[in-house]
N, C-alpha and C. Protein backbone atom coordinates (compact mmCIF):
# COMPACT_ATOMS: atom_id res chain seq x y z
N UNK A 1 41.95 -16.29 30.93
CA UNK A 1 41.06 -15.87 29.90
C UNK A 1 39.73 -16.21 29.85
N UNK A 2 38.75 -15.45 29.48
CA UNK A 2 37.23 -15.67 29.56
C UNK A 2 36.76 -16.48 28.55
N UNK A 3 35.73 -17.22 28.78
CA UNK A 3 35.14 -17.93 27.54
C UNK A 3 34.21 -16.98 26.90
N UNK A 4 33.80 -17.53 25.68
CA UNK A 4 33.00 -16.65 24.76
C UNK A 4 31.83 -16.15 25.51
N UNK A 5 31.12 -17.09 26.15
CA UNK A 5 29.93 -16.55 26.90
C UNK A 5 30.02 -15.55 27.80
N UNK A 6 31.35 -15.61 28.38
CA UNK A 6 31.35 -14.46 29.49
C UNK A 6 32.20 -13.30 29.06
N UNK A 7 32.46 -13.10 27.73
CA UNK A 7 33.05 -11.92 27.26
C UNK A 7 32.06 -10.84 27.30
N UNK A 8 32.62 -9.64 27.71
CA UNK A 8 31.77 -8.53 27.74
C UNK A 8 31.72 -7.80 26.30
N UNK A 9 30.84 -7.01 26.10
CA UNK A 9 30.62 -6.15 24.79
C UNK A 9 31.98 -5.33 24.60
N UNK A 10 32.37 -4.71 25.95
CA UNK A 10 33.60 -3.95 25.70
C UNK A 10 34.89 -4.66 25.40
N UNK A 11 34.97 -6.14 25.87
CA UNK A 11 35.90 -6.87 25.41
C UNK A 11 35.84 -7.29 23.99
N UNK A 12 34.62 -7.35 23.35
CA UNK A 12 34.46 -7.81 21.97
C UNK A 12 34.81 -6.72 21.17
N UNK A 13 34.53 -5.44 21.61
CA UNK A 13 34.78 -4.24 20.86
C UNK A 13 36.33 -4.07 20.74
N UNK A 14 37.06 -4.29 21.95
CA UNK A 14 38.59 -4.16 21.90
C UNK A 14 39.13 -5.19 20.91
N UNK A 15 38.57 -6.50 20.90
CA UNK A 15 39.05 -7.26 20.15
C UNK A 15 38.85 -7.13 18.49
N UNK A 16 37.73 -6.50 18.43
CA UNK A 16 37.34 -6.00 17.00
C UNK A 16 38.29 -5.02 16.43
N UNK A 17 38.65 -4.10 17.38
CA UNK A 17 39.58 -2.97 17.03
C UNK A 17 41.04 -3.63 16.90
N UNK A 18 41.27 -4.80 17.56
CA UNK A 18 42.64 -5.44 17.40
C UNK A 18 42.74 -6.30 16.24
N UNK A 19 41.59 -6.46 15.59
CA UNK A 19 41.56 -7.29 14.45
C UNK A 19 41.35 -8.83 14.74
N UNK A 20 40.97 -9.23 15.96
CA UNK A 20 40.86 -10.55 16.35
C UNK A 20 39.74 -11.27 15.41
N UNK A 21 40.11 -12.37 14.59
CA UNK A 21 39.04 -12.81 13.91
C UNK A 21 37.97 -13.36 14.63
N UNK A 22 36.72 -13.18 14.15
CA UNK A 22 35.55 -13.73 14.88
C UNK A 22 34.77 -12.72 15.83
N UNK A 23 35.46 -11.67 16.20
CA UNK A 23 35.03 -10.91 17.26
C UNK A 23 33.64 -10.03 16.69
N UNK A 24 33.79 -9.72 15.44
CA UNK A 24 32.72 -9.04 14.82
C UNK A 24 31.60 -9.90 14.87
N UNK A 25 31.65 -11.08 14.47
CA UNK A 25 30.57 -12.13 14.39
C UNK A 25 29.97 -12.29 15.74
N UNK A 26 30.71 -12.55 16.82
CA UNK A 26 30.25 -12.83 18.12
C UNK A 26 29.54 -11.42 18.67
N UNK A 27 30.14 -10.36 18.38
CA UNK A 27 29.44 -9.16 18.70
C UNK A 27 28.07 -8.97 18.05
N UNK A 28 27.92 -9.29 16.69
CA UNK A 28 26.47 -9.24 16.11
C UNK A 28 25.78 -10.23 16.50
N UNK A 29 26.17 -11.52 16.82
CA UNK A 29 25.30 -12.60 17.39
C UNK A 29 24.84 -12.19 18.79
N UNK A 30 25.61 -11.45 19.56
CA UNK A 30 25.21 -11.09 20.88
C UNK A 30 24.01 -9.82 20.83
N UNK A 31 24.23 -9.07 19.85
CA UNK A 31 23.25 -7.86 19.63
C UNK A 31 21.96 -8.35 19.05
N UNK A 32 22.00 -9.16 17.98
CA UNK A 32 21.00 -9.41 17.17
C UNK A 32 19.76 -9.79 17.88
N UNK A 33 19.65 -10.77 18.78
CA UNK A 33 18.21 -11.11 19.43
C UNK A 33 17.66 -9.99 20.06
N UNK A 34 18.23 -9.17 20.95
CA UNK A 34 17.64 -8.07 21.53
C UNK A 34 17.34 -7.03 20.39
N UNK A 35 18.03 -6.75 19.59
CA UNK A 35 17.64 -5.84 18.44
C UNK A 35 16.44 -6.27 17.74
N UNK A 36 16.27 -7.60 17.40
CA UNK A 36 15.17 -7.96 16.57
C UNK A 36 13.92 -7.89 17.64
N UNK A 37 13.98 -8.29 18.95
CA UNK A 37 12.78 -8.08 19.94
C UNK A 37 12.39 -6.66 19.82
N UNK A 38 13.29 -5.77 19.98
CA UNK A 38 13.12 -4.27 20.06
C UNK A 38 12.41 -3.79 18.83
N UNK A 39 12.88 -4.13 17.75
CA UNK A 39 12.45 -3.65 16.38
C UNK A 39 11.22 -4.31 15.86
N UNK A 40 10.70 -5.39 16.53
CA UNK A 40 9.69 -5.90 16.07
C UNK A 40 8.13 -4.99 16.11
N UNK A 41 7.63 -4.82 15.06
CA UNK A 41 6.52 -3.95 14.88
C UNK A 41 6.80 -2.45 14.88
N UNK A 42 7.96 -1.96 14.74
CA UNK A 42 8.19 -0.72 14.52
C UNK A 42 7.93 -0.21 13.17
N UNK A 43 8.20 -1.02 12.07
CA UNK A 43 7.96 -0.60 10.83
C UNK A 43 6.65 -0.75 10.51
N UNK A 44 5.66 0.51 10.12
CA UNK A 44 4.27 0.39 9.94
C UNK A 44 3.97 -0.59 8.63
N UNK A 45 2.95 -1.13 8.70
CA UNK A 45 2.47 -2.08 7.81
C UNK A 45 2.58 -1.42 6.29
N UNK A 46 2.17 -0.19 6.21
CA UNK A 46 2.13 0.52 4.86
C UNK A 46 3.60 0.52 4.26
N UNK A 47 4.64 0.66 5.06
CA UNK A 47 5.93 0.88 4.70
C UNK A 47 6.60 -0.50 4.47
N UNK A 48 6.01 -1.52 4.78
CA UNK A 48 6.84 -2.86 4.84
C UNK A 48 7.16 -3.41 3.34
N UNK A 49 6.15 -3.63 2.47
CA UNK A 49 6.33 -4.13 1.12
C UNK A 49 7.04 -5.44 1.36
N UNK A 50 8.17 -5.68 0.77
CA UNK A 50 8.88 -6.98 0.93
C UNK A 50 10.02 -6.86 1.89
N UNK A 51 9.86 -5.80 2.80
CA UNK A 51 10.89 -5.56 3.75
C UNK A 51 10.28 -5.96 5.16
N UNK A 52 10.96 -6.82 5.78
CA UNK A 52 10.51 -7.25 7.07
C UNK A 52 11.43 -6.69 8.34
N UNK A 53 11.09 -7.11 9.47
CA UNK A 53 11.92 -6.50 10.68
C UNK A 53 13.29 -7.12 10.68
N UNK A 54 13.45 -8.34 10.24
CA UNK A 54 14.78 -9.07 10.11
C UNK A 54 15.54 -8.32 9.09
N UNK A 55 15.00 -8.03 7.99
CA UNK A 55 15.78 -7.37 6.97
C UNK A 55 16.18 -5.89 7.52
N UNK A 56 15.43 -5.16 8.07
CA UNK A 56 15.60 -3.87 8.67
C UNK A 56 16.86 -3.91 9.59
N UNK A 57 16.78 -4.99 10.50
CA UNK A 57 17.75 -4.99 11.64
C UNK A 57 19.09 -5.38 10.94
N UNK A 58 19.09 -6.43 9.97
CA UNK A 58 20.39 -6.76 9.37
C UNK A 58 20.80 -5.45 8.71
N UNK A 59 20.12 -4.79 7.79
CA UNK A 59 20.53 -3.77 7.02
C UNK A 59 21.30 -2.76 7.90
N UNK A 60 20.63 -2.25 9.19
CA UNK A 60 21.18 -1.34 9.99
C UNK A 60 22.50 -1.84 10.62
N UNK A 61 22.60 -3.15 10.96
CA UNK A 61 23.90 -3.62 11.46
C UNK A 61 25.08 -3.49 10.57
N UNK A 62 24.67 -3.89 9.40
CA UNK A 62 25.76 -4.08 8.19
C UNK A 62 26.14 -2.51 8.10
N UNK A 63 25.20 -1.57 8.01
CA UNK A 63 25.62 -0.04 7.85
C UNK A 63 26.47 0.29 9.05
N UNK A 64 26.18 -0.11 10.11
CA UNK A 64 26.99 0.35 11.35
C UNK A 64 28.27 -0.37 11.71
N UNK A 65 28.49 -1.46 11.20
CA UNK A 65 29.71 -2.29 11.60
C UNK A 65 30.99 -1.52 11.13
N UNK A 66 31.19 -0.76 10.14
CA UNK A 66 32.49 -0.20 9.95
C UNK A 66 32.68 1.01 10.93
N UNK A 67 31.66 1.60 11.40
CA UNK A 67 31.76 2.53 12.45
C UNK A 67 32.10 2.12 13.93
N UNK A 68 31.90 0.66 14.11
CA UNK A 68 32.14 0.35 15.43
C UNK A 68 33.71 0.31 15.72
N UNK A 69 34.60 0.53 14.63
CA UNK A 69 35.87 0.52 15.01
C UNK A 69 36.29 1.76 15.94
N UNK A 70 35.43 2.80 15.68
CA UNK A 70 35.60 4.04 16.47
C UNK A 70 34.65 4.18 17.52
N UNK A 71 33.73 3.32 17.74
CA UNK A 71 32.80 3.52 18.79
C UNK A 71 33.35 3.41 20.16
N UNK A 72 32.84 4.50 21.02
CA UNK A 72 33.42 4.32 22.23
C UNK A 72 32.06 4.13 23.25
N UNK A 73 32.19 2.99 23.87
CA UNK A 73 31.02 2.55 24.72
C UNK A 73 31.13 3.26 25.98
N UNK A 74 29.97 4.18 26.46
CA UNK A 74 30.08 4.89 27.59
C UNK A 74 28.83 4.32 28.41
N UNK A 75 29.05 3.41 29.07
CA UNK A 75 28.13 2.82 30.00
C UNK A 75 27.45 1.48 29.55
N UNK A 76 26.79 0.81 30.36
CA UNK A 76 26.10 -0.42 30.09
C UNK A 76 24.97 -0.08 29.14
N UNK A 77 24.98 -0.93 28.03
CA UNK A 77 23.98 -0.88 27.14
C UNK A 77 24.31 0.04 25.92
N UNK A 78 25.47 0.76 25.90
CA UNK A 78 25.72 1.88 24.98
C UNK A 78 25.68 1.26 23.53
N UNK A 79 26.28 0.23 23.27
CA UNK A 79 26.45 -0.50 22.06
C UNK A 79 24.96 -0.66 21.49
N UNK A 80 24.08 -1.43 22.40
CA UNK A 80 22.66 -1.73 22.13
C UNK A 80 21.91 -0.54 21.66
N UNK A 81 22.23 0.41 22.44
CA UNK A 81 21.58 1.82 22.22
C UNK A 81 21.97 2.47 20.93
N UNK A 82 23.21 2.38 20.52
CA UNK A 82 23.55 2.82 19.37
C UNK A 82 23.06 2.04 18.27
N UNK A 83 22.99 0.75 18.24
CA UNK A 83 22.51 -0.08 17.25
C UNK A 83 20.89 0.16 17.22
N UNK A 84 20.09 0.29 18.26
CA UNK A 84 18.78 0.71 18.24
C UNK A 84 18.67 2.03 17.55
N UNK A 85 19.35 3.00 17.72
CA UNK A 85 19.28 4.16 17.01
C UNK A 85 19.40 4.02 15.55
N UNK A 86 20.44 3.16 15.22
CA UNK A 86 20.62 2.92 13.72
C UNK A 86 19.38 2.31 13.10
N UNK A 87 18.77 1.26 13.79
CA UNK A 87 17.59 0.64 13.45
C UNK A 87 16.36 1.60 13.33
N UNK A 88 16.39 2.53 14.30
CA UNK A 88 15.22 3.50 14.20
C UNK A 88 15.26 4.36 13.03
N UNK A 89 16.45 4.84 12.67
CA UNK A 89 16.88 5.62 11.59
C UNK A 89 16.44 4.90 10.23
N UNK A 90 16.76 3.51 10.24
CA UNK A 90 16.24 2.94 9.16
C UNK A 90 14.79 2.84 9.02
N UNK A 91 14.24 2.61 10.06
CA UNK A 91 12.65 2.65 10.06
C UNK A 91 12.21 4.00 9.58
N UNK A 92 12.65 5.04 10.00
CA UNK A 92 12.45 6.37 9.43
C UNK A 92 12.54 6.57 8.00
N UNK A 93 13.73 5.96 7.47
CA UNK A 93 13.98 6.02 5.98
C UNK A 93 12.89 5.31 5.26
N UNK A 94 12.61 4.14 5.61
CA UNK A 94 11.58 3.18 4.99
C UNK A 94 10.28 3.89 4.94
N UNK A 95 9.91 4.62 6.07
CA UNK A 95 8.38 5.40 6.08
C UNK A 95 8.53 6.40 5.07
N UNK A 96 9.73 7.07 5.07
CA UNK A 96 9.72 8.24 4.09
C UNK A 96 9.67 7.68 2.72
N UNK A 97 10.31 6.69 2.44
CA UNK A 97 10.16 5.97 1.03
C UNK A 97 8.86 5.70 0.73
N UNK A 98 8.26 4.90 1.71
CA UNK A 98 6.83 4.53 1.51
C UNK A 98 5.91 5.79 1.17
N UNK A 99 6.13 6.79 1.91
CA UNK A 99 5.23 7.86 1.67
C UNK A 99 5.34 8.60 0.22
N UNK A 100 6.53 8.35 -0.19
CA UNK A 100 7.06 9.08 -1.63
C UNK A 100 6.33 8.19 -2.62
N UNK A 101 6.13 6.89 -2.51
CA UNK A 101 5.58 5.95 -3.43
C UNK A 101 4.04 6.44 -3.85
N UNK A 102 3.74 6.13 -5.00
CA UNK A 102 2.21 6.46 -5.40
C UNK A 102 1.38 5.57 -4.71
N UNK A 103 0.31 6.02 -4.34
CA UNK A 103 -0.87 5.30 -3.38
C UNK A 103 -1.39 4.27 -4.26
N UNK A 104 -1.56 4.32 -5.47
CA UNK A 104 -2.22 3.39 -6.44
C UNK A 104 -1.56 1.90 -6.01
N UNK A 105 -2.36 1.08 -5.93
CA UNK A 105 -1.70 -0.32 -5.60
C UNK A 105 -1.77 -1.11 -6.98
N UNK A 106 -2.21 -0.45 -7.96
CA UNK A 106 -2.26 -1.29 -9.35
C UNK A 106 -0.93 -1.09 -9.85
N UNK A 107 -0.49 -2.32 -10.34
CA UNK A 107 0.94 -2.34 -10.95
C UNK A 107 0.83 -1.77 -12.35
N UNK A 108 2.13 -1.22 -12.62
CA UNK A 108 2.21 -0.66 -14.10
C UNK A 108 1.88 -1.75 -15.12
N UNK A 109 2.27 -2.86 -14.76
CA UNK A 109 2.17 -4.03 -15.70
C UNK A 109 0.78 -4.24 -16.09
N UNK A 110 -0.25 -4.11 -15.09
CA UNK A 110 -1.63 -4.26 -15.54
C UNK A 110 -2.32 -3.13 -16.09
N UNK A 111 -1.63 -1.90 -16.35
CA UNK A 111 -2.28 -0.74 -17.05
C UNK A 111 -2.01 -0.91 -18.39
N UNK A 112 -3.11 -0.80 -19.26
CA UNK A 112 -2.68 -0.94 -20.80
C UNK A 112 -1.94 0.28 -21.17
N UNK A 113 -1.05 -0.09 -22.32
CA UNK A 113 -0.24 0.81 -23.04
C UNK A 113 -1.10 1.34 -24.00
N UNK A 114 -1.08 2.81 -24.02
CA UNK A 114 -1.92 3.58 -25.02
C UNK A 114 -1.16 3.66 -26.33
N UNK A 115 0.01 3.44 -26.39
CA UNK A 115 0.97 3.58 -27.50
C UNK A 115 0.45 2.34 -28.70
N UNK A 116 0.57 2.78 -29.85
CA UNK A 116 0.18 1.57 -30.86
C UNK A 116 1.16 0.42 -30.64
N UNK A 117 0.66 -0.75 -31.16
CA UNK A 117 1.36 -1.87 -31.13
C UNK A 117 2.26 -1.96 -32.32
N UNK A 118 3.34 -2.67 -32.33
CA UNK A 118 4.19 -2.73 -33.58
C UNK A 118 3.20 -3.02 -34.74
N UNK A 119 2.27 -3.77 -34.79
CA UNK A 119 1.43 -4.13 -35.78
C UNK A 119 0.57 -2.95 -36.27
N UNK A 120 0.07 -2.19 -35.38
CA UNK A 120 -0.69 -0.99 -35.56
C UNK A 120 0.22 0.12 -36.30
N UNK A 121 1.57 0.09 -35.65
CA UNK A 121 2.39 1.07 -36.51
C UNK A 121 2.73 0.65 -37.95
N UNK A 122 2.88 -0.59 -38.13
CA UNK A 122 3.12 -1.12 -39.58
C UNK A 122 1.93 -0.96 -40.33
N UNK A 123 0.74 -1.16 -39.83
CA UNK A 123 -0.51 -0.80 -40.77
C UNK A 123 -0.69 0.78 -40.90
N UNK A 124 -0.41 1.51 -39.84
CA UNK A 124 -0.37 2.93 -40.09
C UNK A 124 0.65 3.47 -41.11
N UNK A 125 1.88 2.78 -41.02
CA UNK A 125 2.80 3.17 -41.97
C UNK A 125 2.40 2.85 -43.49
N UNK A 126 1.81 1.74 -43.45
CA UNK A 126 1.41 1.03 -44.84
C UNK A 126 0.24 1.93 -45.45
N UNK A 127 -0.66 2.33 -44.45
CA UNK A 127 -1.69 3.13 -44.91
C UNK A 127 -1.35 4.56 -45.27
N UNK A 128 -0.37 5.04 -44.60
CA UNK A 128 0.24 6.49 -44.99
C UNK A 128 1.04 6.43 -46.32
N UNK A 129 1.46 5.26 -46.63
CA UNK A 129 2.32 5.21 -47.78
C UNK A 129 1.23 5.18 -48.90
N UNK A 130 0.11 4.18 -48.72
CA UNK A 130 -0.91 4.20 -49.82
C UNK A 130 -1.50 5.55 -49.88
N UNK A 131 -1.78 6.34 -48.78
CA UNK A 131 -2.45 7.65 -48.83
C UNK A 131 -1.48 8.43 -49.82
N UNK A 132 -0.26 8.65 -49.38
CA UNK A 132 0.58 9.58 -50.07
C UNK A 132 0.72 9.16 -51.57
N UNK A 133 0.75 7.95 -51.90
CA UNK A 133 0.85 7.51 -53.30
C UNK A 133 -0.56 7.94 -54.16
N UNK A 134 -1.59 7.65 -53.52
CA UNK A 134 -2.94 8.06 -54.00
C UNK A 134 -3.09 9.50 -54.06
N UNK A 135 -2.67 10.23 -53.04
CA UNK A 135 -2.75 11.77 -53.12
C UNK A 135 -2.07 12.34 -54.27
N UNK A 136 -0.90 11.81 -54.50
CA UNK A 136 -0.10 12.25 -55.78
C UNK A 136 -0.75 12.21 -57.07
N UNK A 137 -1.74 11.10 -57.19
CA UNK A 137 -2.40 10.97 -58.46
C UNK A 137 -3.38 11.98 -58.65
N UNK A 138 -3.88 12.64 -57.57
CA UNK A 138 -5.24 13.51 -57.71
C UNK A 138 -4.37 15.06 -58.33
N UNK A 139 -5.36 15.79 -58.76
CA UNK A 139 -5.22 17.18 -59.22
C UNK A 139 -4.64 17.94 -58.17
N UNK A 140 -3.99 19.16 -58.52
CA UNK A 140 -3.40 20.02 -57.56
C UNK A 140 -4.48 20.56 -56.51
N UNK A 141 -5.77 20.85 -57.24
CA UNK A 141 -6.68 21.41 -56.49
C UNK A 141 -7.45 20.43 -55.47
N UNK A 142 -7.51 19.18 -55.78
CA UNK A 142 -7.99 18.21 -54.94
C UNK A 142 -6.95 17.82 -53.83
N UNK A 143 -5.70 17.93 -54.07
CA UNK A 143 -4.60 17.67 -53.14
C UNK A 143 -4.65 18.93 -52.15
N UNK A 144 -4.73 20.12 -52.53
CA UNK A 144 -4.81 21.37 -51.60
C UNK A 144 -6.13 21.16 -50.74
N UNK A 145 -7.17 20.77 -51.22
CA UNK A 145 -8.39 20.74 -50.45
C UNK A 145 -8.26 19.64 -49.33
N UNK A 146 -7.83 18.50 -49.69
CA UNK A 146 -7.61 17.20 -48.85
C UNK A 146 -6.52 17.62 -47.71
N UNK A 147 -5.25 18.19 -48.20
CA UNK A 147 -4.30 18.58 -47.15
C UNK A 147 -4.85 19.68 -46.29
N UNK A 148 -5.51 20.70 -46.84
CA UNK A 148 -5.92 21.67 -45.87
C UNK A 148 -6.97 21.25 -44.87
N UNK A 149 -7.99 20.31 -45.26
CA UNK A 149 -8.84 19.80 -44.34
C UNK A 149 -8.41 18.76 -43.49
N UNK A 150 -7.56 17.79 -43.82
CA UNK A 150 -7.40 16.69 -43.02
C UNK A 150 -6.05 16.72 -42.38
N UNK A 151 -4.94 17.23 -43.09
CA UNK A 151 -3.58 17.44 -42.58
C UNK A 151 -3.54 18.66 -41.58
N UNK A 152 -4.04 19.74 -42.22
CA UNK A 152 -3.84 21.09 -41.57
C UNK A 152 -5.12 21.21 -40.47
N UNK A 153 -6.31 20.58 -40.70
CA UNK A 153 -7.40 20.75 -39.84
C UNK A 153 -8.18 22.15 -40.05
N UNK A 154 -8.03 22.74 -41.14
CA UNK A 154 -8.75 23.92 -41.43
C UNK A 154 -10.39 23.65 -41.72
N UNK A 155 -11.02 24.74 -41.32
CA UNK A 155 -12.43 24.64 -41.59
C UNK A 155 -12.68 24.80 -43.16
N UNK A 156 -14.14 24.37 -43.41
CA UNK A 156 -14.55 24.67 -44.83
C UNK A 156 -14.35 26.04 -45.08
N UNK A 157 -14.83 27.00 -44.33
CA UNK A 157 -14.81 28.49 -44.58
C UNK A 157 -13.36 28.83 -44.72
N UNK A 158 -12.44 28.32 -44.07
CA UNK A 158 -11.03 28.87 -44.38
C UNK A 158 -10.61 28.27 -45.75
N UNK A 159 -10.92 26.90 -46.02
CA UNK A 159 -10.62 26.38 -47.43
C UNK A 159 -11.22 27.14 -48.56
N UNK A 160 -12.55 27.77 -48.13
CA UNK A 160 -13.14 28.57 -49.30
C UNK A 160 -12.32 29.70 -49.62
N UNK A 161 -11.89 30.34 -48.69
CA UNK A 161 -11.22 31.64 -48.94
C UNK A 161 -9.77 31.37 -49.57
N UNK A 162 -9.16 30.26 -49.13
CA UNK A 162 -7.86 29.71 -49.60
C UNK A 162 -7.98 29.29 -51.14
N UNK A 163 -9.03 28.70 -51.54
CA UNK A 163 -9.12 28.03 -52.86
C UNK A 163 -10.11 28.91 -53.78
N UNK A 164 -10.45 29.98 -53.19
CA UNK A 164 -11.44 31.03 -53.97
C UNK A 164 -12.78 30.31 -54.34
N UNK A 165 -13.21 29.35 -53.51
CA UNK A 165 -14.53 28.58 -53.73
C UNK A 165 -15.68 29.73 -53.23
N UNK A 166 -16.75 29.70 -53.65
CA UNK A 166 -17.80 30.74 -53.32
C UNK A 166 -18.19 30.80 -51.89
N UNK A 167 -18.18 29.39 -51.31
CA UNK A 167 -18.69 29.42 -49.86
C UNK A 167 -18.28 28.19 -49.23
N UNK A 168 -18.54 27.94 -47.89
CA UNK A 168 -18.26 26.68 -47.16
C UNK A 168 -18.85 25.56 -47.74
N UNK A 169 -20.13 25.60 -48.33
CA UNK A 169 -20.97 24.43 -48.68
C UNK A 169 -20.16 24.01 -50.04
N UNK A 170 -19.79 24.98 -50.95
CA UNK A 170 -19.25 24.57 -52.27
C UNK A 170 -17.82 24.00 -51.86
N UNK A 171 -17.14 24.18 -50.86
CA UNK A 171 -15.84 23.70 -50.44
C UNK A 171 -16.11 22.25 -49.89
N UNK A 172 -17.29 22.18 -48.96
CA UNK A 172 -17.47 20.75 -48.62
C UNK A 172 -17.97 19.83 -49.70
N UNK A 173 -18.64 20.22 -50.55
CA UNK A 173 -18.85 19.39 -51.81
C UNK A 173 -17.58 18.99 -52.63
N UNK A 174 -16.77 19.95 -52.88
CA UNK A 174 -15.59 19.58 -53.41
C UNK A 174 -14.69 18.73 -52.61
N UNK A 175 -14.57 18.98 -51.42
CA UNK A 175 -13.87 18.10 -50.65
C UNK A 175 -14.46 16.64 -50.67
N UNK A 176 -15.71 16.43 -50.56
CA UNK A 176 -16.33 15.14 -50.64
C UNK A 176 -15.98 14.41 -52.01
N UNK A 177 -16.06 15.27 -53.07
CA UNK A 177 -15.64 14.68 -54.57
C UNK A 177 -14.09 14.29 -54.35
N UNK A 178 -13.30 15.14 -53.79
CA UNK A 178 -11.68 14.71 -53.72
C UNK A 178 -11.71 13.50 -52.91
N UNK A 179 -12.40 13.37 -51.81
CA UNK A 179 -12.16 12.10 -51.09
C UNK A 179 -12.66 11.10 -51.69
N UNK A 180 -13.56 11.18 -52.57
CA UNK A 180 -14.08 9.88 -53.36
C UNK A 180 -13.05 9.55 -54.22
N UNK A 181 -12.40 10.32 -54.93
CA UNK A 181 -11.35 10.33 -55.90
C UNK A 181 -10.13 9.72 -55.19
N UNK A 182 -9.79 10.20 -54.02
CA UNK A 182 -8.70 9.66 -53.21
C UNK A 182 -8.85 8.20 -52.78
N UNK A 183 -10.19 7.80 -52.36
CA UNK A 183 -10.36 6.46 -51.88
C UNK A 183 -10.20 5.54 -52.97
N UNK A 184 -10.90 5.97 -54.34
CA UNK A 184 -10.82 5.11 -55.49
C UNK A 184 -9.32 4.75 -55.76
N UNK A 185 -8.43 6.03 -55.73
CA UNK A 185 -7.01 5.74 -56.04
C UNK A 185 -6.29 4.74 -54.92
N UNK A 186 -6.79 4.87 -53.79
CA UNK A 186 -6.11 4.21 -52.62
C UNK A 186 -6.57 2.54 -52.95
N UNK A 187 -7.77 2.33 -53.42
CA UNK A 187 -8.14 0.89 -53.53
C UNK A 187 -7.58 0.23 -54.76
N UNK A 188 -6.95 1.02 -55.67
CA UNK A 188 -6.11 0.44 -56.83
C UNK A 188 -4.94 -0.31 -56.24
């Protein structure tokens, strides 16, 4: 019987298939150092992020371990070549992922949120409530002018036709008076 240091890769693969405990660990320990040396520097800097060579090799080995049960070594270095191919595929995957990421290096956490804060929402709701209450106290004509101008965004010319005012200037003056009455009602 051979010692662990003299076991060949073919012997370890046979033991792995036979379910001998520790064969998988010894096989990985044998392949890990040359794989790490081979993989060093293969992952481009832009694709690294938090991923380094050791992580890359480890992930590739973990994903190929289940397939070693059916691996057929054909020649010297076949297993190492198989694992190198797995690592190379992992490098290609990481490069593809990195190219899909946005190029901006600014974190989303550092970009301001354009949505109103909860306080701003509360103020807006309170203001809208005061606006509606005050608007209800105005005459129907004032309400129509204010709604048409500020809620619907109509021009003074359009409001003049709608309210039968003589022209846009008369509508503008009527709107200013209605707004003054609205502000007075909101202040109460």
